[in-house]
C-alpha cells in the first residue's frame, strides 16, 4: 500500500472524481491516487470512519456513491490490508444486512439499527426515531473514548481498554443485542488490529493515531500496514473483548445511565 502522501497510481484505485465536486472546480488530488481529500458537500458518508477514510483517500469512490460489494472488498484489501476472506465477509455481510445486493452509498450505512447501532463509541444515539442516525463524530464522545484508554500501557488503546470502554458505553446507552454487540466489538477490534500493527493484540494502538483517524477520517501520514488482518486473528481479538466484558460486568455494578 502507498502512504497517504503518495502520488503513485494503482490499477484498483478510484481516480475518477465524477460527482465529487469542489466549489472551486476540479478536485485538487486528481491524478494523485491516494492523496487525502475530505468529503465535499454532495458526497455521501457513513457512521463508519474506516470506510469514510477509504473514500477520502480514493480507495472507494470519492463521492461515496454507487459502491458495489467488490468495490468494498478491494478498498478494504488495498487500504487496510484486510484479508480477502474477512473483506468479503464484511462487504457482502453489510449488503445482506442492508438488503441491498448490487450497490450502496455510504450514507445507506446510517440507517438506524441495520448495521448502525446505539452505544457507538464516537456517535450519538438515534433518540428521535429518525431513519438515519448521525454520521458526524461527536467531539465529546471522541475525547471521552481517548481519555478512557491508556490504562494498561500509557497512551495506547488496548483490547483490555476496549472491553472496559464498551461496558461503560452500554451501561450509559443500553446493552446491545447479539448481532449489534458483535458489530460494535468488531469495529474497535479491527481499528486496533489494523492501525496498531502486527503486535496490536498485545500492545494496542497509539491513542493519538486513533484520535486523528476518527476525527479527520484520514489515514496517518506515512502509515503502511505491516501485516494482513485476517479472520482468525480478528475473531480471537473480538472473543477476548467479549469475554472480558462479561467478566467486567460480573465484577462491579454498571455505570449509571444518563
C-alpha atoms as a PDB file:
ATOM      1  CA  UNK A   1       0.000   0.000   0.000  1.00  0.00           C
ATOM      2  CA  UNK A   2       1.169   3.522  -0.700  1.00  0.00           C
ATOM      3  CA  UNK A   3       1.211   6.112   2.022  1.00  0.00           C
ATOM      4  CA  UNK A   4      -1.325   8.891   2.293  1.00  0.00           C
ATOM      5  CA  UNK A   5       1.097  11.251   0.589  1.00  0.00           C
ATOM      6  CA  UNK A   6       1.852   9.001  -2.365  1.00  0.00           C
ATOM      7  CA  UNK A   7       1.288  10.107  -5.935  1.00  0.00           C
ATOM      8  CA  UNK A   8       1.711   6.638  -7.441  1.00  0.00           C
ATOM      9  CA  UNK A   9      -1.172   5.173  -9.402  1.00  0.00           C
ATOM     10  CA  UNK A  10      -2.784   1.833  -8.643  1.00  0.00           C
ATOM     11  CA  UNK A  11      -4.951  -0.171 -11.036  1.00  0.00           C
ATOM     12  CA  UNK A  12      -7.753  -0.609  -8.477  1.00  0.00           C
ATOM     13  CA  UNK A  13      -7.847   2.984  -7.285  1.00  0.00           C
ATOM     14  CA  UNK A  14     -10.880   5.177  -7.846  1.00  0.00           C
ATOM     15  CA  UNK A  15      -9.179   8.048  -9.615  1.00  0.00           C
ATOM     16  CA  UNK A  16     -12.377   9.422 -11.104  1.00  0.00           C
ATOM     17  CA  UNK A  17     -13.821  12.408  -9.251  1.00  0.00           C
ATOM     18  CA  UNK A  18     -17.180  12.377 -11.037  1.00  0.00           C
ATOM     19  CA  UNK A  19     -19.776  13.517  -8.506  1.00  0.00           C
ATOM     20  CA  UNK A  20     -17.028  14.612  -6.114  1.00  0.00           C
ATOM     21  CA  UNK A  21     -17.434  18.298  -6.843  1.00  0.00           C
ATOM     22  CA  UNK A  22     -15.486  21.200  -5.357  1.00  0.00           C
ATOM     23  CA  UNK A  23     -16.785  24.770  -5.230  1.00  0.00           C
ATOM     24  CA  UNK A  24     -13.611  25.974  -6.948  1.00  0.00           C
ATOM     25  CA  UNK A  25     -13.812  23.379  -9.720  1.00  0.00           C
ATOM     26  CA  UNK A  26     -11.850  20.167 -10.126  1.00  0.00           C
ATOM     27  CA  UNK A  27     -10.627  18.101  -7.199  1.00  0.00           C
ATOM     28  CA  UNK A  28      -7.048  19.116  -6.296  1.00  0.00           C
ATOM     29  CA  UNK A  29      -5.961  15.496  -5.841  1.00  0.00           C
ATOM     30  CA  UNK A  30      -6.998  14.314  -9.299  1.00  0.00           C
ATOM     31  CA  UNK A  31      -4.197  12.092 -10.574  1.00  0.00           C
ATOM     32  CA  UNK A  32      -2.704  11.727  -7.105  1.00  0.00           C
ATOM     33  CA  UNK A  33      -4.221   8.358  -6.455  1.00  0.00           C
ATOM     34  CA  UNK A  34      -4.317   8.017  -2.692  1.00  0.00           C
ATOM     35  CA  UNK A  35      -3.901  11.628  -1.575  1.00  0.00           C
ATOM     36  CA  UNK A  36      -6.374  12.761   1.057  1.00  0.00           C
ATOM     37  CA  UNK A  37      -9.326  14.937   0.160  1.00  0.00           C
ATOM     38  CA  UNK A  38     -12.169  15.458   2.664  1.00  0.00           C
ATOM     39  CA  UNK A  39     -15.788  14.907   1.746  1.00  0.00           C
ATOM     40  CA  UNK A  40     -17.440  17.692  -0.231  1.00  0.00           C
ATOM     41  CA  UNK A  41     -20.988  18.988   0.131  1.00  0.00           C
ATOM     42  CA  UNK A  42     -22.654  16.415  -2.143  1.00  0.00           C
ATOM     43  CA  UNK A  43     -20.546  13.413  -1.130  1.00  0.00           C
ATOM     44  CA  UNK A  44     -22.098  10.555   0.821  1.00  0.00           C
ATOM     45  CA  UNK A  45     -20.501   9.443   4.057  1.00  0.00           C
ATOM     46  CA  UNK A  46     -21.344   6.889   6.753  1.00  0.00           C
ATOM     47  CA  UNK A  47     -21.103   6.495  10.538  1.00  0.00           C
ATOM     48  CA  UNK A  48     -18.071   4.257   9.848  1.00  0.00           C
ATOM     49  CA  UNK A  49     -14.800   6.243   9.961  1.00  0.00           C
ATOM     50  CA  UNK A  50     -12.944   3.328   8.374  1.00  0.00           C
ATOM     51  CA  UNK A  51     -14.998   3.443   5.175  1.00  0.00           C
ATOM     52  CA  UNK A  52     -15.115   7.244   5.142  1.00  0.00           C
ATOM     53  CA  UNK A  53     -11.318   7.318   5.270  1.00  0.00           C
ATOM     54  CA  UNK A  54     -11.143   4.909   2.326  1.00  0.00           C
ATOM     55  CA  UNK A  55     -13.368   7.249   0.301  1.00  0.00           C
ATOM     56  CA  UNK A  56     -11.368  10.297   1.389  1.00  0.00           C
ATOM     57  CA  UNK A  57      -8.209   8.614   0.069  1.00  0.00           C
ATOM     58  CA  UNK A  58      -9.703   7.213  -3.138  1.00  0.00           C
ATOM     59  CA  UNK A  59      -9.723   3.532  -2.190  1.00  0.00           C
ATOM     60  CA  UNK A  60     -13.504   3.820  -2.608  1.00  0.00           C
ATOM     61  CA  UNK A  61     -15.289   6.248  -4.949  1.00  0.00           C
ATOM     62  CA  UNK A  62     -14.579   9.689  -3.537  1.00  0.00           C
ATOM     63  CA  UNK A  63     -18.233  10.692  -3.705  1.00  0.00           C
ATOM     64  CA  UNK A  64     -19.167   7.643  -1.597  1.00  0.00           C
ATOM     65  CA  UNK A  65     -21.883   6.533  -4.020  1.00  0.00           C
ATOM     66  CA  UNK A  66     -22.711   3.549  -6.244  1.00  0.00           C
ATOM     67  CA  UNK A  67     -20.352   1.222  -4.403  1.00  0.00           C
ATOM     68  CA  UNK A  68     -20.604  -2.454  -5.255  1.00  0.00           C
ATOM     69  CA  UNK A  69     -19.586  -5.323  -2.965  1.00  0.00           C
ATOM     70  CA  UNK A  70     -16.346  -5.935  -4.848  1.00  0.00           C
ATOM     71  CA  UNK A  71     -15.519  -2.235  -4.559  1.00  0.00           C
ATOM     72  CA  UNK A  72     -15.768  -2.655  -0.796  1.00  0.00           C
ATOM     73  CA  UNK A  73     -13.624  -5.784  -0.878  1.00  0.00           C
ATOM     74  CA  UNK A  74     -10.980  -4.036  -2.971  1.00  0.00           C
ATOM     75  CA  UNK A  75     -10.986  -0.932  -0.772  1.00  0.00           C
ATOM     76  CA  UNK A  76     -10.586  -2.897   2.452  1.00  0.00           C
ATOM     77  CA  UNK A  77      -7.813  -5.042   0.981  1.00  0.00           C
ATOM     78  CA  UNK A  78      -5.837  -2.195  -0.585  1.00  0.00           C
ATOM     79  CA  UNK A  79      -6.434   0.434   2.071  1.00  0.00           C
ATOM     80  CA  UNK A  80      -6.077  -1.593   5.277  1.00  0.00           C
ATOM     81  CA  UNK A  81      -4.640  -4.904   4.034  1.00  0.00           C
ATOM     82  CA  UNK A  82      -7.595  -6.830   5.375  1.00  0.00           C
ATOM     83  CA  UNK A  83      -7.584 -10.412   4.124  1.00  0.00           C
ATOM     84  CA  UNK A  84      -9.787 -11.313   1.186  1.00  0.00           C
ATOM     85  CA  UNK A  85     -11.894 -13.657   3.315  1.00  0.00           C
ATOM     86  CA  UNK A  86     -12.528 -11.072   6.041  1.00  0.00           C
ATOM     87  CA  UNK A  87     -13.100  -8.313   3.469  1.00  0.00           C
ATOM     88  CA  UNK A  88     -15.704 -10.482   1.706  1.00  0.00           C
ATOM     89  CA  UNK A  89     -17.484 -11.235   4.979  1.00  0.00           C
ATOM     90  CA  UNK A  90     -17.583  -7.546   5.919  1.00  0.00           C
ATOM     91  CA  UNK A  91     -18.646  -6.377   2.459  1.00  0.00           C
ATOM     92  CA  UNK A  92     -21.227  -8.973   1.482  1.00  0.00           C
ATOM     93  CA  UNK A  93     -22.460  -9.209   5.085  1.00  0.00           C
ATOM     94  CA  UNK A  94     -23.081  -5.463   5.169  1.00  0.00           C
ATOM     95  CA  UNK A  95     -25.045  -5.525   1.939  1.00  0.00           C
ATOM     96  CA  UNK A  96     -27.071  -8.502   3.184  1.00  0.00           C
ATOM     97  CA  UNK A  97     -27.957  -6.708   6.433  1.00  0.00           C
ATOM     98  CA  UNK A  98     -28.979  -3.624   4.461  1.00  0.00           C
ATOM     99  CA  UNK A  99     -30.950  -5.653   1.927  1.00  0.00           C
ATOM    100  CA  UNK A 100     -29.004  -4.010  -0.909  1.00  0.00           C
ATOM    101  CA  UNK A 101     -27.370  -6.589  -3.116  1.00  0.00           C
ATOM    102  CA  UNK A 102     -25.962  -4.629  -6.059  1.00  0.00           C
ATOM    103  CA  UNK A 103     -24.679  -1.316  -4.734  1.00  0.00           C
ATOM    104  CA  UNK A 104     -24.913   1.164  -1.904  1.00  0.00           C
ATOM    105  CA  UNK A 105     -23.981   4.673  -0.919  1.00  0.00           C
ATOM    106  CA  UNK A 106     -22.020   5.176   2.265  1.00  0.00           C
ATOM    107  CA  UNK A 107     -24.974   7.126   3.651  1.00  0.00           C
ATOM    108  CA  UNK A 108     -27.072   3.932   3.486  1.00  0.00           C
ATOM    109  CA  UNK A 109     -24.979   2.593   6.358  1.00  0.00           C
ATOM    110  CA  UNK A 110     -26.538   5.246   8.614  1.00  0.00           C
ATOM    111  CA  UNK A 111     -29.949   3.547   8.509  1.00  0.00           C
ATOM    112  CA  UNK A 112     -30.672   3.069  12.163  1.00  0.00           C
ATOM    113  CA  UNK A 113     -30.432  -0.394  13.700  1.00  0.00           C
ATOM    114  CA  UNK A 114     -29.454  -2.084  10.467  1.00  0.00           C
ATOM    115  CA  UNK A 115     -25.651  -2.067  10.731  1.00  0.00           C
ATOM    116  CA  UNK A 116     -25.521   1.236  12.630  1.00  0.00           C
ATOM    117  CA  UNK A 117     -26.342   0.856  16.317  1.00  0.00           C
ATOM    118  CA  UNK A 118     -26.717   2.734  19.577  1.00  0.00           C
ATOM    119  CA  UNK A 119     -23.882   2.842  22.129  1.00  0.00           C
ATOM    120  CA  UNK A 120     -21.393   3.855  19.444  1.00  0.00           C
ATOM    121  CA  UNK A 121     -18.053   4.937  20.830  1.00  0.00           C
ATOM    122  CA  UNK A 122     -17.973   8.231  18.920  1.00  0.00           C
ATOM    123  CA  UNK A 123     -21.510   8.840  17.605  1.00  0.00           C
ATOM    124  CA  UNK A 124     -24.628   9.970  19.450  1.00  0.00           C
ATOM    125  CA  UNK A 125     -27.538   7.575  19.701  1.00  0.00           C
ATOM    126  CA  UNK A 126     -30.526   7.976  17.423  1.00  0.00           C
ATOM    127  CA  UNK A 127     -33.093   9.061  20.014  1.00  0.00           C
ATOM    128  CA  UNK A 128     -35.694  10.792  17.847  1.00  0.00           C
ATOM    129  CA  UNK A 129     -36.864   7.860  15.772  1.00  0.00           C
ATOM    130  CA  UNK A 130     -35.201   9.120  12.613  1.00  0.00           C
ATOM    131  CA  UNK A 131     -34.483   6.574   9.904  1.00  0.00           C
ATOM    132  CA  UNK A 132     -30.871   7.720   9.614  1.00  0.00           C
ATOM    133  CA  UNK A 133     -28.537   8.127  12.569  1.00  0.00           C
ATOM    134  CA  UNK A 134     -25.873  10.857  12.916  1.00  0.00           C
ATOM    135  CA  UNK A 135     -22.743  10.377  10.797  1.00  0.00           C
ATOM    136  CA  UNK A 136     -20.644  13.131  12.325  1.00  0.00           C
ATOM    137  CA  UNK A 137     -18.157  12.114  15.005  1.00  0.00           C
ATOM    138  CA  UNK A 138     -19.175  13.660  18.327  1.00  0.00           C
ATOM    139  CA  UNK A 139     -16.226  15.561  19.774  1.00  0.00           C
ATOM    140  CA  UNK A 140     -17.145  14.944  23.415  1.00  0.00           C
ATOM    141  CA  UNK A 141     -17.524  11.201  22.876  1.00  0.00           C
ATOM    142  CA  UNK A 142     -14.236  11.083  20.984  1.00  0.00           C
ATOM    143  CA  UNK A 143     -12.394  12.846  23.787  1.00  0.00           C
ATOM    144  CA  UNK A 144     -14.038  10.554  26.370  1.00  0.00           C
ATOM    145  CA  UNK A 145     -13.001   7.484  24.370  1.00  0.00           C
ATOM    146  CA  UNK A 146      -9.377   8.576  24.246  1.00  0.00           C
ATOM    147  CA  UNK A 147      -9.375   9.588  27.917  1.00  0.00           C
ATOM    148  CA  UNK A 148     -10.581   6.108  28.902  1.00  0.00           C
ATOM    149  CA  UNK A 149      -7.690   4.423  27.073  1.00  0.00           C
ATOM    150  CA  UNK A 150      -4.145   4.069  28.299  1.00  0.00           C
ATOM    151  CA  UNK A 151      -4.978   2.108  31.442  1.00  0.00           C
ATOM    152  CA  UNK A 152      -2.744  -0.847  30.533  1.00  0.00           C
ATOM    153  CA  UNK A 153       0.008   0.926  28.612  1.00  0.00           C
ATOM    154  CA  UNK A 154       0.339   4.729  28.719  1.00  0.00           C
ATOM    155  CA  UNK A 155      -1.022   6.450  25.622  1.00  0.00           C
ATOM    156  CA  UNK A 156      -2.146   3.199  23.998  1.00  0.00           C
ATOM    157  CA  UNK A 157      -5.610   1.759  23.384  1.00  0.00           C
ATOM    158  CA  UNK A 158      -5.500  -1.954  24.147  1.00  0.00           C
ATOM    159  CA  UNK A 159      -8.104  -4.687  23.885  1.00  0.00           C
ATOM    160  CA  UNK A 160      -8.433  -4.542  27.670  1.00  0.00           C
ATOM    161  CA  UNK A 161      -9.196  -0.831  27.452  1.00  0.00           C
ATOM    162  CA  UNK A 162     -11.681  -1.515  24.665  1.00  0.00           C
ATOM    163  CA  UNK A 163     -13.560  -4.046  26.812  1.00  0.00           C
ATOM    164  CA  UNK A 164     -13.920  -1.560  29.682  1.00  0.00           C
ATOM    165  CA  UNK A 165     -14.987   1.210  27.324  1.00  0.00           C
ATOM    166  CA  UNK A 166     -17.634  -0.932  25.639  1.00  0.00           C
ATOM    167  CA  UNK A 167     -19.062  -1.940  29.020  1.00  0.00           C
ATOM    168  CA  UNK A 168     -19.218   1.728  30.017  1.00  0.00           C
ATOM    169  CA  UNK A 169     -20.951   2.828  26.816  1.00  0.00           C
ATOM    170  CA  UNK A 170     -23.545   0.069  27.005  1.00  0.00           C
ATOM    171  CA  UNK A 171     -24.227   0.943  30.630  1.00  0.00           C
ATOM    172  CA  UNK A 172     -24.881   4.511  29.515  1.00  0.00           C
ATOM    173  CA  UNK A 173     -26.927   3.709  26.404  1.00  0.00           C
ATOM    174  CA  UNK A 174     -28.322   0.226  26.862  1.00  0.00           C
ATOM    175  CA  UNK A 175     -26.977  -3.255  26.182  1.00  0.00           C
ATOM    176  CA  UNK A 176     -26.877  -4.167  22.515  1.00  0.00           C
ATOM    177  CA  UNK A 177     -28.480  -7.261  21.034  1.00  0.00           C
ATOM    178  CA  UNK A 178     -26.241 -10.112  19.930  1.00  0.00           C
ATOM    179  CA  UNK A 179     -25.754  -9.020  16.330  1.00  0.00           C
ATOM    180  CA  UNK A 180     -25.082  -5.369  17.087  1.00  0.00           C
ATOM    181  CA  UNK A 181     -22.892  -6.322  20.034  1.00  0.00           C
ATOM    182  CA  UNK A 182     -20.663  -8.307  17.691  1.00  0.00           C
ATOM    183  CA  UNK A 183     -20.616  -5.441  15.197  1.00  0.00           C
ATOM    184  CA  UNK A 184     -19.667  -2.945  17.916  1.00  0.00           C
ATOM    185  CA  UNK A 185     -16.819  -5.124  19.194  1.00  0.00           C
ATOM    186  CA  UNK A 186     -15.636  -5.787  15.679  1.00  0.00           C
ATOM    187  CA  UNK A 187     -15.400  -2.075  14.925  1.00  0.00           C
ATOM    188  CA  UNK A 188     -12.915  -1.280  17.692  1.00  0.00           C
ATOM    189  CA  UNK A 189     -11.066  -4.591  17.336  1.00  0.00           C
ATOM    190  CA  UNK A 190     -10.420  -4.100  13.617  1.00  0.00           C
ATOM    191  CA  UNK A 191      -9.324  -0.497  14.212  1.00  0.00           C
ATOM    192  CA  UNK A 192      -6.825  -1.623  16.843  1.00  0.00           C
ATOM    193  CA  UNK A 193      -5.694  -4.616  14.787  1.00  0.00           C
ATOM    194  CA  UNK A 194      -5.158  -2.754  11.527  1.00  0.00           C
ATOM    195  CA  UNK A 195      -3.761   0.568  12.729  1.00  0.00           C
ATOM    196  CA  UNK A 196      -1.864  -0.867  15.697  1.00  0.00           C
ATOM    197  CA  UNK A 197       0.255  -3.257  13.666  1.00  0.00           C
ATOM    198  CA  UNK A 198       1.072  -6.947  13.899  1.00  0.00           C
ATOM    199  CA  UNK A 199       1.512  -6.847  17.699  1.00  0.00           C
ATOM    200  CA  UNK A 200      -1.661  -4.848  18.362  1.00  0.00           C
ATOM    201  CA  UNK A 201      -3.434  -7.732  20.119  1.00  0.00           C
ATOM    202  CA  UNK A 202      -0.834  -7.421  22.860  1.00  0.00           C
ATOM    203  CA  UNK A 203       0.373  -3.823  22.662  1.00  0.00           C
ATOM    204  CA  UNK A 204      -2.667  -1.968  21.357  1.00  0.00           C
ATOM    205  CA  UNK A 205      -2.775   1.173  19.247  1.00  0.00           C
ATOM    206  CA  UNK A 206      -1.370   4.649  19.869  1.00  0.00           C
ATOM    207  CA  UNK A 207      -4.261   6.765  21.146  1.00  0.00           C
ATOM    208  CA  UNK A 208      -3.085   9.772  19.151  1.00  0.00           C
ATOM    209  CA  UNK A 209      -3.319   7.705  15.956  1.00  0.00           C
ATOM    210  CA  UNK A 210      -6.815   6.502  16.837  1.00  0.00           C
ATOM    211  CA  UNK A 211      -7.911  10.035  17.721  1.00  0.00           C
ATOM    212  CA  UNK A 212      -6.699  11.589  14.471  1.00  0.00           C
ATOM    213  CA  UNK A 213      -8.083   8.770  12.336  1.00  0.00           C
ATOM    214  CA  UNK A 214     -11.527   9.103  13.941  1.00  0.00           C
ATOM    215  CA  UNK A 215     -11.601  12.879  13.969  1.00  0.00           C
ATOM    216  CA  UNK A 216     -10.347  13.548  10.449  1.00  0.00           C
ATOM    217  CA  UNK A 217     -11.250  10.214   8.783  1.00  0.00           C
ATOM    218  CA  UNK A 218      -7.768  10.268   7.327  1.00  0.00           C
ATOM    219  CA  UNK A 219      -5.048   7.616   7.277  1.00  0.00           C
ATOM    220  CA  UNK A 220      -1.973   8.543   9.327  1.00  0.00           C
ATOM    221  CA  UNK A 221       0.616  10.331   7.198  1.00  0.00           C
ATOM    222  CA  UNK A 222       3.239   7.846   6.025  1.00  0.00           C
ATOM    223  CA  UNK A 223       1.391   4.903   7.599  1.00  0.00           C
ATOM    224  CA  UNK A 224       1.601   1.486   5.966  1.00  0.00           C
ATOM    225  CA  UNK A 225       0.073  -1.758   7.265  1.00  0.00           C
ATOM    226  CA  UNK A 226       2.750  -4.187   8.429  1.00  0.00           C
ATOM    227  CA  UNK A 227       0.551  -7.298   8.299  1.00  0.00           C
ATOM    228  CA  UNK A 228      -2.612  -8.759   6.824  1.00  0.00           C
ATOM    229  CA  UNK A 229      -5.523  -8.549   9.251  1.00  0.00           C
ATOM    230  CA  UNK A 230      -7.227 -11.908   8.870  1.00  0.00           C
ATOM    231  CA  UNK A 231     -10.454 -13.518  10.002  1.00  0.00           C
ATOM    232  CA  UNK A 232      -8.997 -15.793  12.679  1.00  0.00           C
ATOM    233  CA  UNK A 233      -6.876 -13.061  14.232  1.00  0.00           C
ATOM    234  CA  UNK A 234      -9.881 -10.724  14.318  1.00  0.00           C
ATOM    235  CA  UNK A 235     -12.054 -13.461  15.818  1.00  0.00           C
ATOM    236  CA  UNK A 236      -9.555 -14.076  18.626  1.00  0.00           C
ATOM    237  CA  UNK A 237      -9.312 -10.378  19.422  1.00  0.00           C
ATOM    238  CA  UNK A 238     -13.093  -9.931  19.417  1.00  0.00           C
ATOM    239  CA  UNK A 239     -13.525 -13.019  21.607  1.00  0.00           C
ATOM    240  CA  UNK A 240     -11.079 -11.573  24.133  1.00  0.00           C
ATOM    241  CA  UNK A 241     -13.071  -8.339  24.290  1.00  0.00           C
ATOM    242  CA  UNK A 242     -16.373 -10.226  24.584  1.00  0.00           C
ATOM    243  CA  UNK A 243     -15.083 -12.472  27.375  1.00  0.00           C
ATOM    244  CA  UNK A 244     -13.533  -9.561  29.275  1.00  0.00           C
ATOM    245  CA  UNK A 245     -16.788  -7.605  29.006  1.00  0.00           C
ATOM    246  CA  UNK A 246     -18.631 -10.470  30.676  1.00  0.00           C
ATOM    247  CA  UNK A 247     -16.041 -10.615  33.434  1.00  0.00           C
ATOM    248  CA  UNK A 248     -16.082  -6.861  33.991  1.00  0.00           C
ATOM    249  CA  UNK A 249     -19.876  -6.808  34.234  1.00  0.00           C
ATOM    250  CA  UNK A 250     -19.717  -9.571  36.834  1.00  0.00           C
ATOM    251  CA  UNK A 251     -17.039  -7.785  38.863  1.00  0.00           C
ATOM    252  CA  UNK A 252     -18.699  -4.441  39.512  1.00  0.00           C
ATOM    253  CA  UNK A 253     -22.000  -2.594  39.126  1.00  0.00           C
ATOM    254  CA  UNK A 254     -22.516  -0.758  35.830  1.00  0.00           C
ATOM    255  CA  UNK A 255     -22.089   2.975  35.380  1.00  0.00           C
ATOM    256  CA  UNK A 256     -25.368   4.834  35.871  1.00  0.00           C
ATOM    257  CA  UNK A 257     -27.280   5.595  32.714  1.00  0.00           C
ATOM    258  CA  UNK A 258     -27.842   9.179  31.650  1.00  0.00           C
END
